[in-house]
């Protein structure tokens, strides 16, 4: 499941000393849309695309992927040595 990487947006705003309103004007999105993005409630990716274009942050960086940890595989050589 992909979620918005809000940390990268917050870091950009801090680095460039931007308020929420200034950031929204810069990216051509509304403050309501910005709040939905930050709360991970967006239904479309259009605002993320606008943020990506305005900030020059690659769109794939605006997503974070939550993955299940991989299960450890047993080596077949270890199994045969125990028998």
PDB file of N, CA and C in Angstrom:
ATOM      1  N   UNK A   1       0.843  -1.174   0.000  1.00  0.00           N
ATOM      2  CA  UNK A   1       0.000   0.000   0.000  1.00  0.00           C
ATOM      3  C   UNK A   1       0.892   1.242   0.000  1.00  0.00           C
ATOM      4  N   UNK A   2       0.640   2.122  -0.919  1.00  0.00           N
ATOM      5  CA  UNK A   2       1.462   3.331  -1.001  1.00  0.00           C
ATOM      6  C   UNK A   2       0.821   4.450  -0.210  1.00  0.00           C
ATOM      7  N   UNK A   3       1.634   5.193   0.452  1.00  0.00           N
ATOM      8  CA  UNK A   3       1.220   6.365   1.217  1.00  0.00           C
ATOM      9  C   UNK A   3       2.107   7.527   0.818  1.00  0.00           C
ATOM     10  N   UNK A   4       1.642   8.705   1.116  1.00  0.00           N
ATOM     11  CA  UNK A   4       2.404   9.905   0.808  1.00  0.00           C
ATOM     12  C   UNK A   4       3.536  10.060   1.816  1.00  0.00           C
ATOM     13  N   UNK A   5       4.704  10.377   1.313  1.00  0.00           N
ATOM     14  CA  UNK A   5       5.863  10.617   2.161  1.00  0.00           C
ATOM     15  C   UNK A   5       5.785  12.073   2.633  1.00  0.00           C
ATOM     16  N   UNK A   6       5.053  12.297   3.699  1.00  0.00           N
ATOM     17  CA  UNK A   6       4.831  13.659   4.188  1.00  0.00           C
ATOM     18  C   UNK A   6       6.100  14.284   4.737  1.00  0.00           C
ATOM     19  N   UNK A   7       7.031  13.473   5.178  1.00  0.00           N
ATOM     20  CA  UNK A   7       8.273  14.002   5.732  1.00  0.00           C
ATOM     21  C   UNK A   7       9.064  14.784   4.694  1.00  0.00           C
ATOM     22  N   UNK A   8       9.086  14.295   3.466  1.00  0.00           N
ATOM     23  CA  UNK A   8       9.858  14.983   2.425  1.00  0.00           C
ATOM     24  C   UNK A   8       9.212  16.328   2.087  1.00  0.00           C
ATOM     25  N   UNK A   9       7.891  16.397   2.148  1.00  0.00           N
ATOM     26  CA  UNK A   9       7.189  17.658   1.897  1.00  0.00           C
ATOM     27  C   UNK A   9       7.457  18.632   3.040  1.00  0.00           C
ATOM     28  N   UNK A  10       7.374  18.146   4.267  1.00  0.00           N
ATOM     29  CA  UNK A  10       7.643  19.003   5.425  1.00  0.00           C
ATOM     30  C   UNK A  10       9.081  19.507   5.413  1.00  0.00           C
ATOM     31  N   UNK A  11      10.029  18.643   5.057  1.00  0.00           N
ATOM     32  CA  UNK A  11      11.432  19.046   4.982  1.00  0.00           C
ATOM     33  C   UNK A  11      11.644  20.125   3.924  1.00  0.00           C
ATOM     34  N   UNK A  12      10.965  19.975   2.779  1.00  0.00           N
ATOM     35  CA  UNK A  12      11.074  20.974   1.721  1.00  0.00           C
ATOM     36  C   UNK A  12      10.550  22.325   2.206  1.00  0.00           C
ATOM     37  N   UNK A  13       9.425  22.293   2.903  1.00  0.00           N
ATOM     38  CA  UNK A  13       8.839  23.532   3.409  1.00  0.00           C
ATOM     39  C   UNK A  13       9.764  24.205   4.429  1.00  0.00           C
ATOM     40  N   UNK A  14      10.344  23.418   5.324  1.00  0.00           N
ATOM     41  CA  UNK A  14      11.260  23.977   6.324  1.00  0.00           C
ATOM     42  C   UNK A  14      12.525  24.528   5.669  1.00  0.00           C
ATOM     43  N   UNK A  15      13.066  23.774   4.735  1.00  0.00           N
ATOM     44  CA  UNK A  15      14.304  24.175   4.054  1.00  0.00           C
ATOM     45  C   UNK A  15      14.113  25.499   3.314  1.00  0.00           C
ATOM     46  N   UNK A  16      12.940  25.697   2.732  1.00  0.00           N
ATOM     47  CA  UNK A  16      12.666  26.897   1.954  1.00  0.00           C
ATOM     48  C   UNK A  16      11.865  27.940   2.733  1.00  0.00           C
ATOM     49  N   UNK A  17      11.706  27.697   4.044  1.00  0.00           N
ATOM     50  CA  UNK A  17      11.020  28.634   4.937  1.00  0.00           C
ATOM     51  C   UNK A  17       9.648  29.044   4.380  1.00  0.00           C
ATOM     52  N   UNK A  18       8.820  28.024   4.094  1.00  0.00           N
ATOM     53  CA  UNK A  18       7.502  28.258   3.503  1.00  0.00           C
ATOM     54  C   UNK A  18       6.405  27.901   4.495  1.00  0.00           C
ATOM     55  N   UNK A  19       5.371  28.719   4.511  1.00  0.00           N
ATOM     56  CA  UNK A  19       4.177  28.389   5.277  1.00  0.00           C
ATOM     57  C   UNK A  19       3.320  27.473   4.420  1.00  0.00           C
ATOM     58  N   UNK A  20       2.267  26.936   5.012  1.00  0.00           N
ATOM     59  CA  UNK A  20       1.367  26.079   4.255  1.00  0.00           C
ATOM     60  C   UNK A  20       0.737  26.855   3.100  1.00  0.00           C
ATOM     61  N   UNK A  21       0.310  28.086   3.364  1.00  0.00           N
ATOM     62  CA  UNK A  21      -0.325  28.901   2.329  1.00  0.00           C
ATOM     63  C   UNK A  21       0.654  29.204   1.193  1.00  0.00           C
ATOM     64  N   UNK A  22       1.884  29.557   1.546  1.00  0.00           N
ATOM     65  CA  UNK A  22       2.891  29.853   0.523  1.00  0.00           C
ATOM     66  C   UNK A  22       3.198  28.611  -0.316  1.00  0.00           C
ATOM     67  N   UNK A  23       3.309  27.471   0.345  1.00  0.00           N
ATOM     68  CA  UNK A  23       3.578  26.227  -0.368  1.00  0.00           C
ATOM     69  C   UNK A  23       2.440  25.888  -1.321  1.00  0.00           C
ATOM     70  N   UNK A  24       1.207  26.071  -0.860  1.00  0.00           N
ATOM     71  CA  UNK A  24       0.044  25.770  -1.703  1.00  0.00           C
ATOM     72  C   UNK A  24       0.001  26.676  -2.932  1.00  0.00           C
ATOM     73  N   UNK A  25       0.288  27.951  -2.752  1.00  0.00           N
ATOM     74  CA  UNK A  25       0.323  28.871  -3.888  1.00  0.00           C
ATOM     75  C   UNK A  25       1.444  28.494  -4.848  1.00  0.00           C
ATOM     76  N   UNK A  26       2.585  28.121  -4.304  1.00  0.00           N
ATOM     77  CA  UNK A  26       3.744  27.724  -5.099  1.00  0.00           C
ATOM     78  C   UNK A  26       3.421  26.499  -5.957  1.00  0.00           C
ATOM     79  N   UNK A  27       2.667  25.558  -5.391  1.00  0.00           N
ATOM     80  CA  UNK A  27       2.349  24.306  -6.086  1.00  0.00           C
ATOM     81  C   UNK A  27       1.015  24.347  -6.839  1.00  0.00           C
ATOM     82  N   UNK A  28       0.285  25.442  -6.713  1.00  0.00           N
ATOM     83  CA  UNK A  28      -1.021  25.605  -7.370  1.00  0.00           C
ATOM     84  C   UNK A  28      -2.038  24.569  -6.901  1.00  0.00           C
ATOM     85  N   UNK A  29      -2.086  24.375  -5.588  1.00  0.00           N
ATOM     86  CA  UNK A  29      -3.103  23.515  -4.982  1.00  0.00           C
ATOM     87  C   UNK A  29      -3.782  24.307  -3.866  1.00  0.00           C
ATOM     88  N   UNK A  30      -4.951  23.863  -3.452  1.00  0.00           N
ATOM     89  CA  UNK A  30      -5.659  24.547  -2.373  1.00  0.00           C
ATOM     90  C   UNK A  30      -5.161  24.043  -1.024  1.00  0.00           C
ATOM     91  N   UNK A  31      -5.433  24.807   0.009  1.00  0.00           N
ATOM     92  CA  UNK A  31      -5.024  24.382   1.346  1.00  0.00           C
ATOM     93  C   UNK A  31      -5.791  23.138   1.777  1.00  0.00           C
ATOM     94  N   UNK A  32      -7.033  23.026   1.348  1.00  0.00           N
ATOM     95  CA  UNK A  32      -7.826  21.823   1.659  1.00  0.00           C
ATOM     96  C   UNK A  32      -7.179  20.588   1.035  1.00  0.00           C
ATOM     97  N   UNK A  33      -6.767  20.716  -0.210  1.00  0.00           N
ATOM     98  CA  UNK A  33      -6.088  19.608  -0.892  1.00  0.00           C
ATOM     99  C   UNK A  33      -4.785  19.265  -0.190  1.00  0.00           C
ATOM    100  N   UNK A  34      -4.036  20.289   0.218  1.00  0.00           N
ATOM    101  CA  UNK A  34      -2.783  20.069   0.927  1.00  0.00           C
ATOM    102  C   UNK A  34      -3.019  19.286   2.217  1.00  0.00           C
ATOM    103  N   UNK A  35      -4.051  19.663   2.955  1.00  0.00           N
ATOM    104  CA  UNK A  35      -4.359  18.959   4.206  1.00  0.00           C
ATOM    105  C   UNK A  35      -4.729  17.509   3.936  1.00  0.00           C
ATOM    106  N   UNK A  36      -5.449  17.254   2.848  1.00  0.00           N
ATOM    107  CA  UNK A  36      -5.801  15.876   2.493  1.00  0.00           C
ATOM    108  C   UNK A  36      -4.564  15.075   2.104  1.00  0.00           C
ATOM    109  N   UNK A  37      -3.654  15.703   1.379  1.00  0.00           N
ATOM    110  CA  UNK A  37      -2.401  15.040   1.001  1.00  0.00           C
ATOM    111  C   UNK A  37      -1.630  14.653   2.254  1.00  0.00           C
ATOM    112  N   UNK A  38      -1.506  15.596   3.174  1.00  0.00           N
ATOM    113  CA  UNK A  38      -0.728  15.354   4.388  1.00  0.00           C
ATOM    114  C   UNK A  38      -1.394  14.327   5.314  1.00  0.00           C
ATOM    115  N   UNK A  39      -2.716  14.186   5.201  1.00  0.00           N
ATOM    116  CA  UNK A  39      -3.445  13.207   6.009  1.00  0.00           C
ATOM    117  C   UNK A  39      -3.607  11.870   5.273  1.00  0.00           C
ATOM    118  N   UNK A  40      -2.992  11.756   4.101  1.00  0.00           N
ATOM    119  CA  UNK A  40      -3.092  10.537   3.277  1.00  0.00           C
ATOM    120  C   UNK A  40      -4.531  10.215   2.898  1.00  0.00           C
ATOM    121  N   UNK A  41      -5.306  11.229   2.576  1.00  0.00           N
ATOM    122  CA  UNK A  41      -6.705  11.030   2.200  1.00  0.00           C
ATOM    123  C   UNK A  41      -6.972  11.355   0.737  1.00  0.00           C
ATOM    124  N   UNK A  42      -5.932  11.546  -0.054  1.00  0.00           N
ATOM    125  CA  UNK A  42      -6.126  11.914  -1.456  1.00  0.00           C
ATOM    126  C   UNK A  42      -6.623  10.727  -2.264  1.00  0.00           C
ATOM    127  N   UNK A  43      -7.576  10.994  -3.139  1.00  0.00           N
ATOM    128  CA  UNK A  43      -8.105   9.943  -4.001  1.00  0.00           C
ATOM    129  C   UNK A  43      -7.434   9.944  -5.369  1.00  0.00           C
ATOM    130  N   UNK A  44      -6.833  11.071  -5.744  1.00  0.00           N
ATOM    131  CA  UNK A  44      -6.138  11.160  -7.031  1.00  0.00           C
ATOM    132  C   UNK A  44      -4.683  11.545  -6.802  1.00  0.00           C
ATOM    133  N   UNK A  45      -3.885  11.364  -7.853  1.00  0.00           N
ATOM    134  CA  UNK A  45      -2.468  11.687  -7.762  1.00  0.00           C
ATOM    135  C   UNK A  45      -2.137  13.042  -8.378  1.00  0.00           C
ATOM    136  N   UNK A  46      -3.143  13.760  -8.863  1.00  0.00           N
ATOM    137  CA  UNK A  46      -2.916  15.050  -9.512  1.00  0.00           C
ATOM    138  C   UNK A  46      -2.218  16.042  -8.584  1.00  0.00           C
ATOM    139  N   UNK A  47      -2.657  16.213  -7.335  1.00  0.00           N
ATOM    140  CA  UNK A  47      -1.945  17.144  -6.456  1.00  0.00           C
ATOM    141  C   UNK A  47      -0.492  16.741  -6.219  1.00  0.00           C
ATOM    142  N   UNK A  48      -0.225  15.458  -6.131  1.00  0.00           N
ATOM    143  CA  UNK A  48       1.150  14.995  -5.953  1.00  0.00           C
ATOM    144  C   UNK A  48       1.994  15.310  -7.179  1.00  0.00           C
ATOM    145  N   UNK A  49       1.385  15.202  -8.345  1.00  0.00           N
ATOM    146  CA  UNK A  49       2.089  15.559  -9.570  1.00  0.00           C
ATOM    147  C   UNK A  49       2.414  17.052  -9.577  1.00  0.00           C
ATOM    148  N   UNK A  50       1.469  17.881  -9.158  1.00  0.00           N
ATOM    149  CA  UNK A  50       1.700  19.324  -9.096  1.00  0.00           C
ATOM    150  C   UNK A  50       2.815  19.654  -8.104  1.00  0.00           C
ATOM    151  N   UNK A  51       2.811  18.984  -6.959  1.00  0.00           N
ATOM    152  CA  UNK A  51       3.862  19.191  -5.965  1.00  0.00           C
ATOM    153  C   UNK A  51       5.206  18.765  -6.533  1.00  0.00           C
ATOM    154  N   UNK A  52       5.222  17.644  -7.215  1.00  0.00           N
ATOM    155  CA  UNK A  52       6.453  17.124  -7.806  1.00  0.00           C
ATOM    156  C   UNK A  52       7.025  18.093  -8.830  1.00  0.00           C
ATOM    157  N   UNK A  53       6.185  18.623  -9.699  1.00  0.00           N
ATOM    158  CA  UNK A  53       6.642  19.550 -10.736  1.00  0.00           C
ATOM    159  C   UNK A  53       7.151  20.845 -10.121  1.00  0.00           C
ATOM    160  N   UNK A  54       6.420  21.386  -9.164  1.00  0.00           N
ATOM    161  CA  UNK A  54       6.792  22.671  -8.569  1.00  0.00           C
ATOM    162  C   UNK A  54       8.076  22.578  -7.746  1.00  0.00           C
ATOM    163  N   UNK A  55       8.268  21.479  -7.046  1.00  0.00           N
ATOM    164  CA  UNK A  55       9.410  21.355  -6.135  1.00  0.00           C
ATOM    165  C   UNK A  55      10.611  20.644  -6.751  1.00  0.00           C
ATOM    166  N   UNK A  56      10.443  20.090  -7.937  1.00  0.00           N
ATOM    167  CA  UNK A  56      11.488  19.290  -8.600  1.00  0.00           C
ATOM    168  C   UNK A  56      11.863  18.056  -7.793  1.00  0.00           C
ATOM    169  N   UNK A  57      10.917  17.541  -7.037  1.00  0.00           N
ATOM    170  CA  UNK A  57      11.103  16.281  -6.317  1.00  0.00           C
ATOM    171  C   UNK A  57      10.495  15.186  -7.191  1.00  0.00           C
ATOM    172  N   UNK A  58      11.261  14.169  -7.541  1.00  0.00           N
ATOM    173  CA  UNK A  58      10.687  13.086  -8.357  1.00  0.00           C
ATOM    174  C   UNK A  58       9.445  12.495  -7.686  1.00  0.00           C
ATOM    175  N   UNK A  59       8.434  12.219  -8.485  1.00  0.00           N
ATOM    176  CA  UNK A  59       7.150  11.771  -7.937  1.00  0.00           C
ATOM    177  C   UNK A  59       7.286  10.472  -7.147  1.00  0.00           C
ATOM    178  N   UNK A  60       8.221   9.618  -7.534  1.00  0.00           N
ATOM    179  CA  UNK A  60       8.384   8.358  -6.793  1.00  0.00           C
ATOM    180  C   UNK A  60       8.892   8.603  -5.376  1.00  0.00           C
ATOM    181  N   UNK A  61       9.560   9.725  -5.142  1.00  0.00           N
ATOM    182  CA  UNK A  61      10.018  10.061  -3.793  1.00  0.00           C
ATOM    183  C   UNK A  61       8.867  10.537  -2.904  1.00  0.00           C
ATOM    184  N   UNK A  62       7.761  10.945  -3.522  1.00  0.00           N
ATOM    185  CA  UNK A  62       6.611  11.422  -2.744  1.00  0.00           C
ATOM    186  C   UNK A  62       5.760  10.268  -2.218  1.00  0.00           C
ATOM    187  N   UNK A  63       6.102   9.062  -2.621  1.00  0.00           N
ATOM    188  CA  UNK A  63       5.411   7.878  -2.122  1.00  0.00           C
ATOM    189  C   UNK A  63       6.346   7.094  -1.223  1.00  0.00           C
ATOM    190  N   UNK A  64       5.782   6.483  -0.205  1.00  0.00           N
ATOM    191  CA  UNK A  64       6.555   5.516   0.566  1.00  0.00           C
ATOM    192  C   UNK A  64       5.780   4.217   0.544  1.00  0.00           C
ATOM    193  N   UNK A  65       6.496   3.148   0.411  1.00  0.00           N
ATOM    194  CA  UNK A  65       5.870   1.847   0.295  1.00  0.00           C
ATOM    195  C   UNK A  65       6.000   1.105   1.607  1.00  0.00           C
ATOM    196  N   UNK A  66       4.886   0.589   2.070  1.00  0.00           N
ATOM    197  CA  UNK A  66       4.887  -0.207   3.284  1.00  0.00           C
ATOM    198  C   UNK A  66       4.890  -1.667   2.841  1.00  0.00           C
ATOM    199  N   UNK A  67       5.941  -2.375   3.220  1.00  0.00           N
ATOM    200  CA  UNK A  67       6.070  -3.773   2.805  1.00  0.00           C
ATOM    201  C   UNK A  67       6.132  -4.677   4.022  1.00  0.00           C
ATOM    202  N   UNK A  68       5.669  -5.886   3.824  1.00  0.00           N
ATOM    203  CA  UNK A  68       5.779  -6.887   4.879  1.00  0.00           C
ATOM    204  C   UNK A  68       7.226  -7.367   4.931  1.00  0.00           C
ATOM    205  N   UNK A  69       7.729  -7.649   6.118  1.00  0.00           N
ATOM    206  CA  UNK A  69       9.102  -8.171   6.198  1.00  0.00           C
ATOM    207  C   UNK A  69       9.200  -9.518   5.505  1.00  0.00           C
ATOM    208  N   UNK A  70      10.344  -9.748   4.873  1.00  0.00           N
ATOM    209  CA  UNK A  70      10.554 -11.015   4.160  1.00  0.00           C
ATOM    210  C   UNK A  70      10.794 -12.126   5.153  1.00  0.00           C
ATOM    211  N   UNK A  71      10.260 -13.288   4.824  1.00  0.00           N
ATOM    212  CA  UNK A  71      10.484 -14.462   5.657  1.00  0.00           C
ATOM    213  C   UNK A  71      11.851 -15.044   5.313  1.00  0.00           C
ATOM    214  N   UNK A  72      12.527 -15.541   6.333  1.00  0.00           N
ATOM    215  CA  UNK A  72      13.829 -16.143   6.098  1.00  0.00           C
ATOM    216  C   UNK A  72      13.657 -17.492   5.421  1.00  0.00           C
ATOM    217  N   UNK A  73      14.527 -17.735   4.453  1.00  0.00           N
ATOM    218  CA  UNK A  73      14.484 -19.010   3.740  1.00  0.00           C
ATOM    219  C   UNK A  73      15.454 -19.975   4.404  1.00  0.00           C
ATOM    220  N   UNK A  74      15.029 -21.218   4.490  1.00  0.00           N
ATOM    221  CA  UNK A  74      15.912 -22.249   5.030  1.00  0.00           C
ATOM    222  C   UNK A  74      16.775 -22.786   3.903  1.00  0.00           C
ATOM    223  N   UNK A  75      18.040 -22.998   4.204  1.00  0.00           N
ATOM    224  CA  UNK A  75      18.933 -23.573   3.207  1.00  0.00           C
ATOM    225  C   UNK A  75      18.695 -25.089   3.161  1.00  0.00           C
ATOM    226  N   UNK A  76      18.614 -25.612   1.967  1.00  0.00           N
ATOM    227  CA  UNK A  76      18.401 -27.050   1.823  1.00  0.00           C
ATOM    228  C   UNK A  76      19.636 -27.816   2.274  1.00  0.00           C
ATOM    229  N   UNK A  77      20.821 -27.217   2.179  1.00  0.00           N
ATOM    230  CA  UNK A  77      22.039 -27.887   2.626  1.00  0.00           C
ATOM    231  C   UNK A  77      22.026 -28.056   4.144  1.00  0.00           C
ATOM    232  N   UNK A  78      21.500 -27.078   4.865  1.00  0.00           N
ATOM    233  CA  UNK A  78      21.415 -27.164   6.323  1.00  0.00           C
ATOM    234  C   UNK A  78      20.441 -28.262   6.733  1.00  0.00           C
ATOM    235  N   UNK A  79      19.353 -28.392   6.002  1.00  0.00           N
ATOM    236  CA  UNK A  79      18.362 -29.434   6.313  1.00  0.00           C
ATOM    237  C   UNK A  79      18.943 -30.830   6.090  1.00  0.00           C
ATOM    238  N   UNK A  80      19.676 -31.027   5.028  1.00  0.00           N
ATOM    239  CA  UNK A  80      20.222 -32.349   4.747  1.00  0.00           C
ATOM    240  C   UNK A  80      21.356 -32.707   5.722  1.00  0.00           C
ATOM    241  N   UNK A  81      22.077 -31.731   6.204  1.00  0.00           N
ATOM    242  CA  UNK A  81      23.169 -31.973   7.143  1.00  0.00           C
ATOM    243  C   UNK A  81      22.640 -32.417   8.492  1.00  0.00           C
ATOM    244  N   UNK A  82      21.432 -31.954   8.860  1.00  0.00           N
ATOM    245  CA  UNK A  82      20.845 -32.309  10.150  1.00  0.00           C
ATOM    246  C   UNK A  82      20.301 -33.721  10.156  1.00  0.00           C
ATOM    247  N   UNK A  83      19.966 -34.272   8.995  1.00  0.00           N
ATOM    248  CA  UNK A  83      19.345 -35.598   8.920  1.00  0.00           C
ATOM    249  C   UNK A  83      20.329 -36.705   9.070  1.00  0.00           C
TER     250      UNK A  83
END
